[in-house]
Protein backbone atom coordinates (compact mmCIF):
# COMPACT_ATOMS: atom_id res chain seq x y z
CA UNK A 1 0.32 -0.21 -0.17
CA UNK A 2 1.23 3.74 -0.72
CA UNK A 3 2.21 5.80 1.92
CA UNK A 4 -0.26 9.12 2.60
CA UNK A 5 1.84 12.32 1.60
CA UNK A 6 1.39 14.96 3.80
CA UNK A 7 -1.12 16.62 3.90
CA UNK A 8 0.67 20.22 2.82
CA UNK A 9 -0.74 24.04 2.38
CA UNK A 10 0.22 27.02 1.72
CA UNK A 11 -1.05 30.66 0.95
CA UNK A 12 -0.05 33.55 -1.98
CA UNK A 13 1.27 36.72 -0.15
CA UNK A 14 2.64 39.80 -2.24
CA UNK A 15 4.84 39.14 -4.68
CA UNK A 16 5.27 35.43 -3.17
CA UNK A 17 4.36 31.85 -2.24
CA UNK A 18 4.26 30.97 1.64
CA UNK A 19 3.84 26.68 2.46
CA UNK A 20 3.44 25.46 5.47
CA UNK A 21 4.38 21.98 6.32
CA UNK A 22 3.60 19.96 9.95
CA UNK A 23 6.95 21.74 11.79
CA UNK A 24 8.87 24.27 9.02
CA UNK A 25 7.38 27.39 7.56
CA UNK A 26 8.84 28.92 3.86
CA UNK A 27 8.27 31.93 2.49
CA UNK A 28 10.21 32.25 -0.76
CA UNK A 29 9.45 35.57 -2.69
CA UNK A 30 10.12 37.11 -5.84
CA UNK A 31 12.15 40.91 -4.59
CA UNK A 32 11.76 43.80 -6.72
CA UNK A 33 15.42 42.64 -8.12
CA UNK A 34 14.59 40.06 -9.66
CA UNK A 35 16.34 37.90 -7.65
CA UNK A 36 14.03 34.95 -4.81
CA UNK A 37 13.91 35.63 -0.87
CA UNK A 38 14.22 32.66 1.53
CA UNK A 39 11.59 33.32 4.44
CA UNK A 40 12.24 30.24 6.55
CA UNK A 41 10.97 29.69 10.43
CA UNK A 42 10.40 26.50 12.68
CA UNK A 43 6.73 25.70 13.82
CA UNK A 44 6.67 26.21 17.65
CA UNK A 45 3.77 27.25 19.82
CA UNK A 46 0.03 25.77 19.54
CA UNK A 47 1.25 23.27 16.45
CA UNK A 48 3.69 21.44 18.41
CA UNK A 49 0.53 20.75 20.83
CA UNK A 50 -2.48 17.62 21.01
CA UNK A 51 -4.44 20.14 20.74
CA UNK A 52 -4.02 20.08 17.10
CA UNK A 53 -5.04 16.66 17.01
CA UNK A 54 -8.53 17.04 18.47
CA UNK A 55 -11.03 16.82 15.60
CA UNK A 56 -12.86 20.08 14.74
CA UNK A 57 -10.87 22.19 18.18
CA UNK A 58 -7.68 21.64 16.07
CA UNK A 59 -10.03 23.56 13.30
CA UNK A 60 -10.60 26.06 15.39
CA UNK A 61 -7.06 26.66 16.27
CA UNK A 62 -5.40 26.41 13.44
CA UNK A 63 -7.22 28.65 11.75
CA UNK A 64 -6.69 31.98 14.47
CA UNK A 65 -2.72 31.03 14.32
CA UNK A 66 -3.02 30.67 10.51
CA UNK A 67 -4.58 34.22 9.84
CA UNK A 68 -2.43 35.14 12.41
CA UNK A 69 1.07 34.03 11.22
CA UNK A 70 -0.70 35.43 7.13
CA UNK A 71 -0.72 38.31 8.28
CA UNK A 72 2.86 38.32 9.72
CA UNK A 73 4.46 37.13 6.39
CA UNK A 74 1.72 39.02 4.46
CA UNK A 75 3.63 42.39 5.79
CA UNK A 76 7.54 40.50 5.39
CA UNK A 77 6.71 39.86 1.87
CA UNK A 78 5.34 43.59 2.09
CA UNK A 79 8.25 44.97 3.23
CA UNK A 80 10.39 43.04 0.18
CA UNK A 81 8.85 45.52 -2.15
CA UNK A 82 9.25 48.36 -0.60
CA UNK A 83 12.04 47.64 1.03
CA UNK A 84 11.45 48.80 4.41
CA UNK A 85 11.97 46.99 7.70
CA UNK A 86 9.02 46.82 10.34
CA UNK A 87 8.66 44.31 11.89
CA UNK A 88 4.40 43.46 12.86
CA UNK A 89 4.06 41.88 15.07
CA UNK A 90 2.61 41.38 19.57
CA UNK A 91 0.50 43.63 20.13
CA UNK A 92 -0.22 45.05 16.97
CA UNK A 93 -0.45 42.02 14.92
CA UNK A 94 -3.60 40.46 17.72
CA UNK A 95 -4.95 44.63 17.12
CA UNK A 96 -5.13 44.23 13.14
CA UNK A 97 -6.05 40.58 12.95
CA UNK A 98 -9.14 41.49 15.75
CA UNK A 99 -10.31 44.02 13.81
CA UNK A 100 -10.18 42.80 10.63
CA UNK A 101 -12.20 39.86 11.37
CA UNK A 102 -14.74 41.94 13.01
CA UNK A 103 -15.13 44.15 9.90
CA UNK A 104 -15.46 40.57 8.76
CA UNK A 105 -18.24 39.82 10.54
CA UNK A 106 -20.11 42.31 10.95
CA UNK A 107 -20.24 42.24 6.67
CA UNK A 108 -20.72 38.43 6.04
CA UNK A 109 -22.78 37.70 9.27
CA UNK A 110 -24.47 40.17 11.15
CA UNK A 111 -25.49 42.25 8.22
CA UNK A 112 -27.75 39.48 7.06
CA UNK A 113 -29.41 38.24 10.41
CA UNK A 114 -29.90 41.93 10.32
CA UNK A 115 -31.67 42.06 6.87
CA UNK A 116 -33.22 38.50 7.64
CA UNK A 117 -34.48 39.84 10.88
CA UNK A 118 -35.70 42.94 9.99
CA UNK A 119 -37.90 41.25 6.44
CA UNK A 120 -39.48 38.59 9.11
CA UNK A 121 -41.01 41.25 11.78
CA UNK A 122 -41.42 43.82 8.65
CA UNK A 123 -42.91 41.20 5.56
CA UNK A 124 -43.99 37.99 7.60
CA UNK A 125 -42.26 35.79 6.50
CA UNK A 126 -40.99 32.88 8.90
CA UNK A 127 -38.59 32.22 10.35
CA UNK A 128 -36.79 29.84 8.19
CA UNK A 129 -37.14 31.66 5.01
CA UNK A 130 -35.72 34.41 6.92
CA UNK A 131 -33.18 32.68 7.42
CA UNK A 132 -32.92 30.63 3.80
CA UNK A 133 -32.10 34.27 2.45
CA UNK A 134 -29.73 35.74 4.59
CA UNK A 135 -27.45 32.26 4.19
CA UNK A 136 -28.20 33.63 0.10
CA UNK A 137 -26.80 37.37 1.18
CA UNK A 138 -24.18 36.18 3.06
CA UNK A 139 -23.16 33.49 -0.35
CA UNK A 140 -23.93 36.39 -2.01
CA UNK A 141 -21.93 38.45 -0.52
CA UNK A 142 -19.37 36.34 -0.63
CA UNK A 143 -18.74 35.31 -3.85
CA UNK A 144 -19.17 39.66 -4.99
CA UNK A 145 -16.16 40.52 -2.55
CA UNK A 146 -14.50 37.69 -4.29
CA UNK A 147 -15.17 38.53 -7.83
CA UNK A 148 -14.42 42.32 -7.12
CA UNK A 149 -10.55 42.72 -5.87
CA UNK A 150 -10.08 40.06 -8.51
CA UNK A 151 -9.84 43.75 -10.58
CA UNK A 152 -7.42 44.87 -8.66
CA UNK A 153 -3.68 44.76 -10.58
CA UNK A 154 -2.48 43.37 -8.18
CA UNK A 155 -4.46 41.14 -6.03
CA UNK A 156 -4.55 39.07 -9.50
CA UNK A 157 -0.65 38.95 -8.98
CA UNK A 158 -1.65 37.63 -5.13
CA UNK A 159 -5.02 35.49 -7.46
CA UNK A 160 -1.33 33.93 -9.70
CA UNK A 161 0.31 32.74 -7.20
CA UNK A 162 -2.41 31.47 -5.17
CA UNK A 163 -2.64 29.32 -8.42
CA UNK A 164 0.84 28.63 -8.82
CA UNK A 165 0.60 27.40 -4.96
CA UNK A 166 -2.00 25.17 -5.74
CA UNK A 167 -0.43 23.49 -8.75
CA UNK A 168 3.39 23.48 -7.13
CA UNK A 169 0.62 21.46 -3.70
CA UNK A 170 -1.31 19.32 -7.01
CA UNK A 171 2.44 18.52 -8.77
CA UNK A 172 4.03 17.30 -4.98
CA UNK A 173 0.69 15.92 -4.40
CA UNK A 174 1.25 13.66 -7.25
CA UNK A 175 4.52 12.74 -7.47
CA UNK A 176 5.61 14.62 -10.16
CA UNK A 177 9.12 16.22 -10.88
CA UNK A 178 8.69 19.42 -9.10
CA UNK A 179 9.90 21.88 -12.21
CA UNK A 180 7.88 24.93 -13.71
CA UNK A 181 7.67 23.16 -17.27
CA UNK A 182 5.87 20.32 -15.27
CA UNK A 183 4.42 22.10 -12.34
CA UNK A 184 2.81 24.45 -15.03
CA UNK A 185 0.67 21.22 -16.12
CA UNK A 186 -1.25 20.39 -13.14
CA UNK A 187 -4.90 22.10 -11.27
CA UNK A 188 -5.73 25.59 -10.90
CA UNK A 189 -7.66 24.17 -8.15
CA UNK A 190 -7.14 21.48 -5.20
CA UNK A 191 -9.26 20.68 -2.47
CA UNK A 192 -8.34 21.64 1.23
CA UNK A 193 -7.99 25.18 -0.28
CA UNK A 194 -8.85 28.35 2.46
CA UNK A 195 -11.43 29.44 -0.23
CA UNK A 196 -13.29 25.94 0.16
CA UNK A 197 -13.48 25.99 3.97
CA UNK A 198 -15.31 29.27 3.53
CA UNK A 199 -17.65 28.56 0.73
CA UNK A 200 -18.50 24.93 3.27
CA UNK A 201 -18.79 27.43 6.51
CA UNK A 202 -21.11 29.89 4.90
CA UNK A 203 -23.12 26.84 3.11
CA UNK A 204 -24.04 24.84 6.91
CA UNK A 205 -24.26 28.92 8.82
CA UNK A 206 -27.18 27.65 6.52
CA UNK A 207 -28.54 25.21 7.59
CA UNK A 208 -27.40 25.58 11.28
CA UNK A 209 -28.77 28.52 12.03
CA UNK A 210 -32.30 27.80 9.49
CA UNK A 211 -31.94 24.55 12.33
CA UNK A 212 -32.49 27.19 15.25
CA UNK A 213 -35.91 28.74 14.61
CA UNK A 214 -37.41 32.13 15.10
CA UNK A 215 -35.45 34.29 17.73
CA UNK A 216 -35.72 38.01 19.03
CA UNK A 217 -34.24 39.66 16.75
CA UNK A 218 -30.37 40.64 18.92
CA UNK A 219 -30.60 36.67 19.40
CA UNK A 220 -30.33 36.48 16.25
CA UNK A 221 -27.34 38.55 15.56
CA UNK A 222 -25.45 37.07 19.07
CA UNK A 223 -25.28 33.27 17.92
CA UNK A 224 -23.65 33.92 14.31
CA UNK A 225 -21.22 35.59 16.84
CA UNK A 226 -21.52 32.56 19.27
CA UNK A 227 -21.56 30.19 17.02
CA UNK A 228 -19.17 31.13 14.40
CA UNK A 229 -16.19 28.50 16.31
CA UNK A 230 -18.71 25.49 16.04
CA UNK A 231 -19.16 26.73 12.63
CA UNK A 232 -15.68 26.69 11.57
CA UNK A 233 -14.63 23.69 13.47
CA UNK A 234 -17.33 22.32 11.71
CA UNK A 235 -16.15 23.54 8.30
CA UNK A 236 -12.48 21.91 9.13
CA UNK A 237 -13.31 18.88 9.33
CA UNK A 238 -15.23 17.96 6.51
CA UNK A 239 -12.92 19.78 4.46
CA UNK A 240 -9.89 17.63 5.58
CA UNK A 241 -12.69 14.75 4.34
CA UNK A 242 -13.10 15.11 1.80
CA UNK A 243 -9.64 15.77 0.90
CA UNK A 244 -9.60 12.34 1.69
CA UNK A 245 -12.22 9.96 -0.02
CA UNK A 246 -11.31 11.88 -2.74
CA UNK A 247 -11.48 8.57 -4.84
CA UNK A 248 -15.60 8.66 -3.79
CA UNK A 249 -17.96 9.70 -6.54
CA UNK A 250 -20.05 11.70 -3.82
CA UNK A 251 -17.36 13.44 -2.56
CA UNK A 252 -16.59 14.56 -5.98
CA UNK A 253 -20.42 15.60 -6.89
CA UNK A 254 -19.63 17.51 -3.31
CA UNK A 255 -16.55 19.26 -3.72
CA UNK A 256 -17.45 20.63 -7.27
CA UNK A 257 -19.04 24.21 -5.71
CA UNK A 258 -15.67 24.46 -3.51
CA UNK A 259 -13.39 23.82 -6.81
CA UNK A 260 -15.45 26.47 -8.88
CA UNK A 261 -15.29 28.96 -6.55
CA UNK A 262 -11.33 28.80 -6.71
CA UNK A 263 -12.08 29.86 -9.83
CA UNK A 264 -12.40 33.54 -8.48
CA UNK A 265 -9.52 32.88 -7.01
CA UNK A 266 -6.63 32.23 -8.59
CA UNK A 267 -4.93 32.87 -12.05
CA UNK A 268 -3.09 30.96 -14.73
CA UNK A 269 0.73 31.75 -13.18
CA UNK A 270 3.86 31.99 -15.72
CA UNK A 271 6.89 29.86 -15.41
CA UNK A 272 8.27 32.58 -12.78
CA UNK A 273 5.56 32.72 -10.12
CA UNK A 274 6.14 28.86 -10.00
CA UNK A 275 9.53 28.71 -9.79
CA UNK A 276 8.66 30.97 -6.47
CA UNK A 277 6.33 28.25 -5.37
CA UNK A 278 8.22 25.86 -6.43
CA UNK A 279 11.03 27.36 -4.24
CA UNK A 280 9.21 27.31 -1.94
CA UNK A 281 7.76 24.16 -1.51
CA UNK A 282 11.73 23.42 -1.95
CA UNK A 283 12.42 25.13 1.52
CA UNK A 284 9.77 23.89 3.22
CA UNK A 285 10.05 20.04 2.08
CA UNK A 286 14.02 20.27 2.79
CA UNK A 287 13.46 21.07 6.67
CA UNK A 288 10.97 18.85 7.34
CA UNK A 289 12.24 15.69 6.09
CA UNK A 290 15.54 16.68 8.06
CA UNK A 291 13.34 16.77 11.25
CA UNK A 292 12.15 13.78 9.77
CA UNK A 293 16.36 12.11 10.05
CA UNK A 294 16.18 13.50 13.27
CA UNK A 295 13.62 12.18 15.37
CA UNK A 296 13.85 8.43 13.65
């Protein structure tokens, strides 16, 4: 039986790609002078605890930490392009991250919930209908936001690096040679993508909130915040389960909407962008292999 490969992942940054392993993280960036700059770190803290092995909890904890790491590395990549040497860490990092989360929750969760409550009280809609309307609005806002930012030139390049990250991971999981000419032939979509997580989170929110039935407006809004961690944990486990059962026809059918939404967040990368993604992956993978040999 063929050994299952580790579930590596990553994300796009400004003119670069971040690759995550189980113990190490590496980012490769194309600097203004055309060279590739590497930044590597060992994953510590929450990644080394038993919490990351507890279903549902690991998704929530990992998501929060990944957002923090992602924000910090985005800052590093931006500073590489400008030549500045500022650091975003400690309380400034948590304040920035917390503010971004609050804005996101307000726009994508509380605003649709408020509209649903207003329709229910003023137009006399039933709770099921108003909750479905709320979910449709939430999904529509998500898709509209992703579609709109895709027209920004800088975001288009980030989406190209996102595609490069996916192609590199897909090539690795197919045990292919990691060269730009080979990697470019692989798919732009990947089942463990964060875009898939967001869509799954929104769809599950429709089901859960509809099941709650009629609620006073204030409790309706509170429930959208309080139950968000539960939704995040369930969505994470669902994505993880699907990624491990792609040989199932049912899973292949269920995953189609997730892969379709990724067409909005990925663009076809050029060979130079693939070179950056491959450099990030190889730097991370080399560290992972050394650590593995040290432990064995």
